[in-house]
Amino acid sequence: MNSSASIVSITSGDLESQPGCTWIPLPIIVSTVNSCHMQNSNCSITVGDMIALAFFFLLRAGECVECNQGSYSIIRIQDVQLFVGNKKVDLLACSDDMLENVTGGGILFGCNVIRLKKAEYYTWCPVRTLTNRLRHLRQQGGTLETPICSYLDGDKWKNVHFSLIKAALQDATKRMGYDVSVSGNTLRTSGIRSLHSRNVGLSIIRQLMRHKKNDDYTP
């Protein structure tokens, strides 16, 4: 499976939230990510990156961060694939200049790769988020075995826990006056709805969700 999608624009009226809904409008997600990055700590930057990646790649909580639910394998650097055209990039050996020229990025799930294209919107792009996460981990001495949700706290590696993502999103939605119950599937559901609102075909959405062919999907 090699799926491509491009999320390229944001508008303040992207989606309307409803009381008790289980998804978050895109502008609030973008604002939360920006707020995390502005705190400029290794932990907060990682929280912001993982919120964005979970949204873009429709990740389950247990796939992208430490989580007390589910039995999913957490994504590591070795599961990331970056491309310049059709040429795969050596994640640890490539130069920063080559990372800037990456045109596509993907994550390996078993034998299947979910691969997304670089978006035109510079600051909100799945590929740039993935390359920035890799760059950050490389600067801290990460290896292929390092989870992409890891960060250095002093001289010790720690993994972001889902509770930090939940707290950031819950705080942001509360400040915006939205009644959202944040769960491990909230970002996945939010990404699905955003794709559907942009008229992405259900077959592509199913591939990104990694569903079986005959699985039902209702936006």
C-alpha atoms as a PDB file:
ATOM      1  CA  MET A   1       0.000   0.000   0.000  1.00  0.00           C
ATOM      2  CA  ASN A   2       1.455   3.381  -0.961  1.00  0.00           C
ATOM      3  CA  SER A   3      -1.057   6.155  -0.375  1.00  0.00           C
ATOM      4  CA  SER A   4      -0.630   9.836  -1.153  1.00  0.00           C
ATOM      5  CA  ALA A   5      -2.620  12.790   0.101  1.00  0.00           C
ATOM      6  CA  SER A   6      -1.880  16.472   0.416  1.00  0.00           C
ATOM      7  CA  ILE A   7      -3.367  18.777   3.033  1.00  0.00           C
ATOM      8  CA  VAL A   8      -2.624  22.265   1.826  1.00  0.00           C
ATOM      9  CA  SER A   9      -4.921  24.883   3.318  1.00  0.00           C
ATOM     10  CA  ILE A  10      -6.524  26.093   6.526  1.00  0.00           C
ATOM     11  CA  THR A  11      -9.520  28.343   7.019  1.00  0.00           C
ATOM     12  CA  SER A  12     -11.003  29.579  10.274  1.00  0.00           C
ATOM     13  CA  GLY A  13     -14.333  28.008   9.332  1.00  0.00           C
ATOM     14  CA  ASP A  14     -12.788  24.654   8.525  1.00  0.00           C
ATOM     15  CA  LEU A  15     -15.244  22.628  10.596  1.00  0.00           C
ATOM     16  CA  GLU A  16     -18.006  23.377  13.079  1.00  0.00           C
ATOM     17  CA  SER A  17     -17.744  21.633  16.413  1.00  0.00           C
ATOM     18  CA  GLN A  18     -20.796  20.211  18.133  1.00  0.00           C
ATOM     19  CA  PRO A  19     -21.397  19.703  21.869  1.00  0.00           C
ATOM     20  CA  GLY A  20     -19.850  16.471  23.101  1.00  0.00           C
ATOM     21  CA  CYS A  21     -18.124  15.736  19.779  1.00  0.00           C
ATOM     22  CA  THR A  22     -15.074  13.499  19.584  1.00  0.00           C
ATOM     23  CA  TRP A  23     -13.087  15.487  17.023  1.00  0.00           C
ATOM     24  CA  ILE A  24     -11.375  18.871  17.002  1.00  0.00           C
ATOM     25  CA  PRO A  25     -11.541  21.527  14.239  1.00  0.00           C
ATOM     26  CA  LEU A  26      -8.287  21.925  12.338  1.00  0.00           C
ATOM     27  CA  PRO A  27      -7.586  25.563  13.363  1.00  0.00           C
ATOM     28  CA  ILE A  28      -7.567  24.525  17.040  1.00  0.00           C
ATOM     29  CA  ILE A  29      -5.173  21.666  16.311  1.00  0.00           C
ATOM     30  CA  VAL A  30      -2.840  24.007  14.411  1.00  0.00           C
ATOM     31  CA  SER A  31      -2.999  26.547  17.252  1.00  0.00           C
ATOM     32  CA  THR A  32      -2.193  23.843  19.812  1.00  0.00           C
ATOM     33  CA  VAL A  33       0.816  22.655  17.814  1.00  0.00           C
ATOM     34  CA  ASN A  34       2.107  26.220  17.420  1.00  0.00           C
ATOM     35  CA  SER A  35       1.668  26.861  21.145  1.00  0.00           C
ATOM     36  CA  CYS A  36       3.641  23.721  21.997  1.00  0.00           C
ATOM     37  CA  HIS A  37       6.474  24.727  19.672  1.00  0.00           C
ATOM     38  CA  MET A  38       6.618  28.241  21.120  1.00  0.00           C
ATOM     39  CA  GLN A  39       7.362  26.808  24.587  1.00  0.00           C
ATOM     40  CA  ASN A  40      10.687  25.730  23.087  1.00  0.00           C
ATOM     41  CA  SER A  41      11.456  22.770  25.348  1.00  0.00           C
ATOM     42  CA  ASN A  42      12.346  19.341  24.005  1.00  0.00           C
ATOM     43  CA  CYS A  43       9.221  17.898  25.612  1.00  0.00           C
ATOM     44  CA  SER A  44       6.774  20.546  24.352  1.00  0.00           C
ATOM     45  CA  ILE A  45       8.234  20.499  20.829  1.00  0.00           C
ATOM     46  CA  THR A  46       7.791  16.724  20.751  1.00  0.00           C
ATOM     47  CA  VAL A  47       4.209  17.008  22.012  1.00  0.00           C
ATOM     48  CA  GLY A  48       3.439  19.472  19.205  1.00  0.00           C
ATOM     49  CA  ASP A  49       5.098  17.291  16.572  1.00  0.00           C
ATOM     50  CA  MET A  50       3.223  14.181  17.684  1.00  0.00           C
ATOM     51  CA  ILE A  51      -0.131  15.984  17.688  1.00  0.00           C
ATOM     52  CA  ALA A  52       0.491  17.025  14.084  1.00  0.00           C
ATOM     53  CA  LEU A  53       1.740  13.606  12.964  1.00  0.00           C
ATOM     54  CA  ALA A  54      -1.192  11.808  14.599  1.00  0.00           C
ATOM     55  CA  PHE A  55      -3.540  14.136  12.710  1.00  0.00           C
ATOM     56  CA  PHE A  56      -1.773  13.813   9.345  1.00  0.00           C
ATOM     57  CA  PHE A  57      -1.168  10.056   9.418  1.00  0.00           C
ATOM     58  CA  LEU A  58      -4.361   9.119  11.310  1.00  0.00           C
ATOM     59  CA  LEU A  59      -2.336   7.506  14.076  1.00  0.00           C
ATOM     60  CA  ARG A  60      -3.770   5.710  17.069  1.00  0.00           C
ATOM     61  CA  ALA A  61      -2.489   6.968  20.423  1.00  0.00           C
ATOM     62  CA  GLY A  62      -0.487   3.808  21.087  1.00  0.00           C
ATOM     63  CA  GLU A  63       1.301   4.108  17.742  1.00  0.00           C
ATOM     64  CA  CYS A  64       2.671   7.614  18.232  1.00  0.00           C
ATOM     65  CA  VAL A  65       3.174   8.032  22.002  1.00  0.00           C
ATOM     66  CA  GLU A  66       3.302   6.059  25.228  1.00  0.00           C
ATOM     67  CA  CYS A  67      -0.242   5.056  26.089  1.00  0.00           C
ATOM     68  CA  ASN A  68      -1.934   2.832  28.629  1.00  0.00           C
ATOM     69  CA  GLN A  69      -4.471   1.561  26.105  1.00  0.00           C
ATOM     70  CA  GLY A  70      -4.118  -0.823  23.183  1.00  0.00           C
ATOM     71  CA  SER A  71      -1.224  -3.047  22.153  1.00  0.00           C
ATOM     72  CA  TYR A  72       0.158  -1.115  19.185  1.00  0.00           C
ATOM     73  CA  SER A  73       3.855  -0.863  18.322  1.00  0.00           C
ATOM     74  CA  ILE A  74       5.221   2.621  18.858  1.00  0.00           C
ATOM     75  CA  ILE A  75       6.739   4.205  15.737  1.00  0.00           C
ATOM     76  CA  ARG A  76      10.535   4.450  15.665  1.00  0.00           C
ATOM     77  CA  ILE A  77      12.964   6.289  13.407  1.00  0.00           C
ATOM     78  CA  GLN A  78      13.508   3.054  11.466  1.00  0.00           C
ATOM     79  CA  ASP A  79       9.802   3.076  10.533  1.00  0.00           C
ATOM     80  CA  VAL A  80      10.067   6.514   8.887  1.00  0.00           C
ATOM     81  CA  GLN A  81      10.724   6.798   5.154  1.00  0.00           C
ATOM     82  CA  LEU A  82      11.672  10.037   3.400  1.00  0.00           C
ATOM     83  CA  PHE A  83      11.994  10.526  -0.342  1.00  0.00           C
ATOM     84  CA  VAL A  84      13.443  12.987  -2.823  1.00  0.00           C
ATOM     85  CA  GLY A  85      11.376  12.122  -5.851  1.00  0.00           C
ATOM     86  CA  ASN A  86      11.437   8.307  -5.838  1.00  0.00           C
ATOM     87  CA  LYS A  87      14.826   8.058  -4.128  1.00  0.00           C
ATOM     88  CA  LYS A  88      14.741   6.983  -0.482  1.00  0.00           C
ATOM     89  CA  VAL A  89      16.806   9.120   1.878  1.00  0.00           C
ATOM     90  CA  ASP A  90      19.273   7.678   4.405  1.00  0.00           C
ATOM     91  CA  LEU A  91      17.651   8.977   7.579  1.00  0.00           C
ATOM     92  CA  LEU A  92      20.731   9.269   9.767  1.00  0.00           C
ATOM     93  CA  ALA A  93      23.448   9.927   7.182  1.00  0.00           C
ATOM     94  CA  CYS A  94      21.775  12.481   4.892  1.00  0.00           C
ATOM     95  CA  SER A  95      22.610  16.177   5.178  1.00  0.00           C
ATOM     96  CA  ASP A  96      20.245  18.836   6.496  1.00  0.00           C
ATOM     97  CA  ASP A  97      20.186  20.275   2.960  1.00  0.00           C
ATOM     98  CA  MET A  98      18.841  16.973   1.656  1.00  0.00           C
ATOM     99  CA  LEU A  99      16.159  16.976   4.346  1.00  0.00           C
ATOM    100  CA  GLU A 100      15.049  20.385   3.078  1.00  0.00           C
ATOM    101  CA  ASN A 101      14.654  18.899  -0.413  1.00  0.00           C
ATOM    102  CA  VAL A 102      12.521  15.942   0.690  1.00  0.00           C
ATOM    103  CA  THR A 103       9.336  15.740  -1.400  1.00  0.00           C
ATOM    104  CA  GLY A 104       7.548  12.854   0.296  1.00  0.00           C
ATOM    105  CA  GLY A 105       7.460  11.103   3.616  1.00  0.00           C
ATOM    106  CA  GLY A 106       5.929   7.933   4.959  1.00  0.00           C
ATOM    107  CA  ILE A 107       5.591   5.613   7.904  1.00  0.00           C
ATOM    108  CA  LEU A 108       5.968   1.848   7.699  1.00  0.00           C
ATOM    109  CA  PHE A 109       3.191  -0.206   9.280  1.00  0.00           C
ATOM    110  CA  GLY A 110       4.093  -3.876   8.985  1.00  0.00           C
ATOM    111  CA  CYS A 111       4.697  -4.364   5.261  1.00  0.00           C
ATOM    112  CA  ASN A 112       2.711  -1.298   4.186  1.00  0.00           C
ATOM    113  CA  VAL A 113       3.863   2.302   3.848  1.00  0.00           C
ATOM    114  CA  ILE A 114       1.537   5.269   4.255  1.00  0.00           C
ATOM    115  CA  ARG A 115       3.257   7.922   2.169  1.00  0.00           C
ATOM    116  CA  LEU A 116       2.199  11.574   1.952  1.00  0.00           C
ATOM    117  CA  LYS A 117       3.345  14.377  -0.331  1.00  0.00           C
ATOM    118  CA  LYS A 118       4.850  17.685   0.733  1.00  0.00           C
ATOM    119  CA  ALA A 119       2.064  20.246   1.014  1.00  0.00           C
ATOM    120  CA  GLU A 120       2.123  23.706  -0.532  1.00  0.00           C
ATOM    121  CA  TYR A 121       1.234  25.319   2.794  1.00  0.00           C
ATOM    122  CA  TYR A 122       4.699  25.653   4.323  1.00  0.00           C
ATOM    123  CA  THR A 123       3.996  25.704   8.055  1.00  0.00           C
ATOM    124  CA  TRP A 124       1.340  22.955   8.106  1.00  0.00           C
ATOM    125  CA  CYS A 125       2.655  19.991   6.193  1.00  0.00           C
ATOM    126  CA  PRO A 126       2.979  16.287   7.043  1.00  0.00           C
ATOM    127  CA  VAL A 127       6.338  15.889   5.317  1.00  0.00           C
ATOM    128  CA  ARG A 128       7.919  18.965   6.890  1.00  0.00           C
ATOM    129  CA  THR A 129       6.637  17.862  10.289  1.00  0.00           C
ATOM    130  CA  LEU A 130       8.182  14.425   9.767  1.00  0.00           C
ATOM    131  CA  THR A 131      11.529  15.852   8.598  1.00  0.00           C
ATOM    132  CA  ASN A 132      11.620  18.368  11.461  1.00  0.00           C
ATOM    133  CA  ARG A 133      10.961  15.554  13.956  1.00  0.00           C
ATOM    134  CA  LEU A 134      13.789  13.527  12.425  1.00  0.00           C
ATOM    135  CA  ARG A 135      16.122  16.530  12.451  1.00  0.00           C
ATOM    136  CA  HIS A 136      15.349  17.164  16.119  1.00  0.00           C
ATOM    137  CA  LEU A 137      16.036  13.529  17.032  1.00  0.00           C
ATOM    138  CA  ARG A 138      19.272  13.455  15.036  1.00  0.00           C
ATOM    139  CA  GLN A 139      20.526  16.564  16.820  1.00  0.00           C
ATOM    140  CA  GLN A 140      19.962  14.795  20.132  1.00  0.00           C
ATOM    141  CA  GLY A 141      21.780  11.632  19.062  1.00  0.00           C
ATOM    142  CA  GLY A 142      18.815   9.424  18.223  1.00  0.00           C
ATOM    143  CA  THR A 143      19.351   6.018  16.602  1.00  0.00           C
ATOM    144  CA  LEU A 144      17.161   3.948  14.299  1.00  0.00           C
ATOM    145  CA  GLU A 145      15.657   2.300  17.393  1.00  0.00           C
ATOM    146  CA  THR A 146      14.643   5.632  18.948  1.00  0.00           C
ATOM    147  CA  PRO A 147      10.853   6.184  19.122  1.00  0.00           C
ATOM    148  CA  ILE A 148       9.853   9.314  17.242  1.00  0.00           C
ATOM    149  CA  CYS A 149       8.014  10.507  20.367  1.00  0.00           C
ATOM    150  CA  SER A 150      11.287  10.558  22.335  1.00  0.00           C
ATOM    151  CA  TYR A 151      13.112  13.602  23.659  1.00  0.00           C
ATOM    152  CA  LEU A 152      16.164  14.251  25.812  1.00  0.00           C
ATOM    153  CA  ASP A 153      15.512  15.385  29.365  1.00  0.00           C
ATOM    154  CA  GLY A 154      19.004  16.242  30.558  1.00  0.00           C
ATOM    155  CA  ASP A 155      20.965  13.164  29.556  1.00  0.00           C
ATOM    156  CA  LYS A 156      18.032  10.733  29.638  1.00  0.00           C
ATOM    157  CA  TRP A 157      15.657   9.763  26.845  1.00  0.00           C
ATOM    158  CA  LYS A 158      11.972   9.985  27.673  1.00  0.00           C
ATOM    159  CA  ASN A 159       8.866   9.258  25.615  1.00  0.00           C
ATOM    160  CA  VAL A 160       5.914  11.625  25.442  1.00  0.00           C
ATOM    161  CA  HIS A 161       2.901  10.097  27.143  1.00  0.00           C
ATOM    162  CA  PHE A 162      -0.600  10.494  25.771  1.00  0.00           C
ATOM    163  CA  SER A 163      -1.606  12.378  28.920  1.00  0.00           C
ATOM    164  CA  LEU A 164       0.513  15.350  27.746  1.00  0.00           C
ATOM    165  CA  ILE A 165      -1.204  15.418  24.362  1.00  0.00           C
ATOM    166  CA  LYS A 166      -4.613  15.107  26.006  1.00  0.00           C
ATOM    167  CA  ALA A 167      -3.856  17.973  28.399  1.00  0.00           C
ATOM    168  CA  ALA A 168      -2.673  20.264  25.587  1.00  0.00           C
ATOM    169  CA  LEU A 169      -5.726  19.579  23.425  1.00  0.00           C
ATOM    170  CA  GLN A 170      -8.172  19.719  26.313  1.00  0.00           C
ATOM    171  CA  ASP A 171      -6.775  23.101  27.390  1.00  0.00           C
ATOM    172  CA  ALA A 172      -6.941  24.486  23.845  1.00  0.00           C
ATOM    173  CA  THR A 173     -10.515  23.353  23.218  1.00  0.00           C
ATOM    174  CA  LYS A 174     -11.655  24.658  26.599  1.00  0.00           C
ATOM    175  CA  ARG A 175     -10.151  28.097  25.906  1.00  0.00           C
ATOM    176  CA  MET A 176     -11.961  28.172  22.558  1.00  0.00           C
ATOM    177  CA  GLY A 177     -15.283  27.222  24.150  1.00  0.00           C
ATOM    178  CA  TYR A 178     -15.568  23.784  22.536  1.00  0.00           C
ATOM    179  CA  ASP A 179     -16.988  20.789  24.340  1.00  0.00           C
ATOM    180  CA  VAL A 180     -14.650  18.012  23.226  1.00  0.00           C
ATOM    181  CA  SER A 181     -13.842  14.812  25.077  1.00  0.00           C
ATOM    182  CA  VAL A 182     -10.246  14.042  24.080  1.00  0.00           C
ATOM    183  CA  SER A 183      -9.492  10.333  23.710  1.00  0.00           C
ATOM    184  CA  GLY A 184      -6.838   8.221  22.033  1.00  0.00           C
ATOM    185  CA  ASN A 185      -8.741   8.394  18.733  1.00  0.00           C
ATOM    186  CA  THR A 186      -9.558  12.127  18.752  1.00  0.00           C
ATOM    187  CA  LEU A 187      -6.725  13.206  16.431  1.00  0.00           C
ATOM    188  CA  ARG A 188      -7.325  10.226  14.144  1.00  0.00           C
ATOM    189  CA  THR A 189     -11.028  11.118  13.889  1.00  0.00           C
ATOM    190  CA  SER A 190     -10.199  14.795  13.378  1.00  0.00           C
ATOM    191  CA  GLY A 191      -7.847  13.933  10.523  1.00  0.00           C
ATOM    192  CA  ILE A 192     -10.461  11.711   8.894  1.00  0.00           C
ATOM    193  CA  ARG A 193     -13.102  14.441   9.026  1.00  0.00           C
ATOM    194  CA  SER A 194     -10.661  17.009   7.649  1.00  0.00           C
ATOM    195  CA  LEU A 195      -9.835  14.763   4.696  1.00  0.00           C
ATOM    196  CA  HIS A 196     -13.529  14.103   4.078  1.00  0.00           C
ATOM    197  CA  SER A 197     -14.297  17.833   4.168  1.00  0.00           C
ATOM    198  CA  ARG A 198     -11.732  18.278   1.373  1.00  0.00           C
ATOM    199  CA  ASN A 199     -13.481  15.659  -0.734  1.00  0.00           C
ATOM    200  CA  VAL A 200     -10.729  13.072  -0.430  1.00  0.00           C
ATOM    201  CA  GLY A 201     -12.157   9.776  -1.701  1.00  0.00           C
ATOM    202  CA  LEU A 202     -13.299   7.158   0.783  1.00  0.00           C
ATOM    203  CA  SER A 203     -10.957   4.574  -0.758  1.00  0.00           C
ATOM    204  CA  ILE A 204      -7.958   6.823   0.025  1.00  0.00           C
ATOM    205  CA  ILE A 205      -9.258   7.530   3.529  1.00  0.00           C
ATOM    206  CA  ARG A 206      -9.644   3.786   4.153  1.00  0.00           C
ATOM    207  CA  GLN A 207      -6.060   3.229   3.025  1.00  0.00           C
ATOM    208  CA  LEU A 208      -4.802   5.964   5.329  1.00  0.00           C
ATOM    209  CA  MET A 209      -6.837   4.430   8.158  1.00  0.00           C
ATOM    210  CA  ARG A 210      -5.280   1.043   7.299  1.00  0.00           C
ATOM    211  CA  HIS A 211      -8.707  -0.553   7.233  1.00  0.00           C
ATOM    212  CA  LYS A 212      -9.615  -3.744   5.488  1.00  0.00           C
ATOM    213  CA  LYS A 213     -11.206  -3.332   2.078  1.00  0.00           C
ATOM    214  CA  ASN A 214     -14.716  -4.198   3.237  1.00  0.00           C
ATOM    215  CA  ASP A 215     -14.619  -2.138   6.431  1.00  0.00           C
ATOM    216  CA  ASP A 216     -17.393   0.418   6.739  1.00  0.00           C
ATOM    217  CA  TYR A 217     -16.565   4.094   7.114  1.00  0.00           C
ATOM    218  CA  THR A 218     -19.017   6.848   7.983  1.00  0.00           C
ATOM    219  CA  PRO A 219     -17.593  10.408   8.149  1.00  0.00           C
END
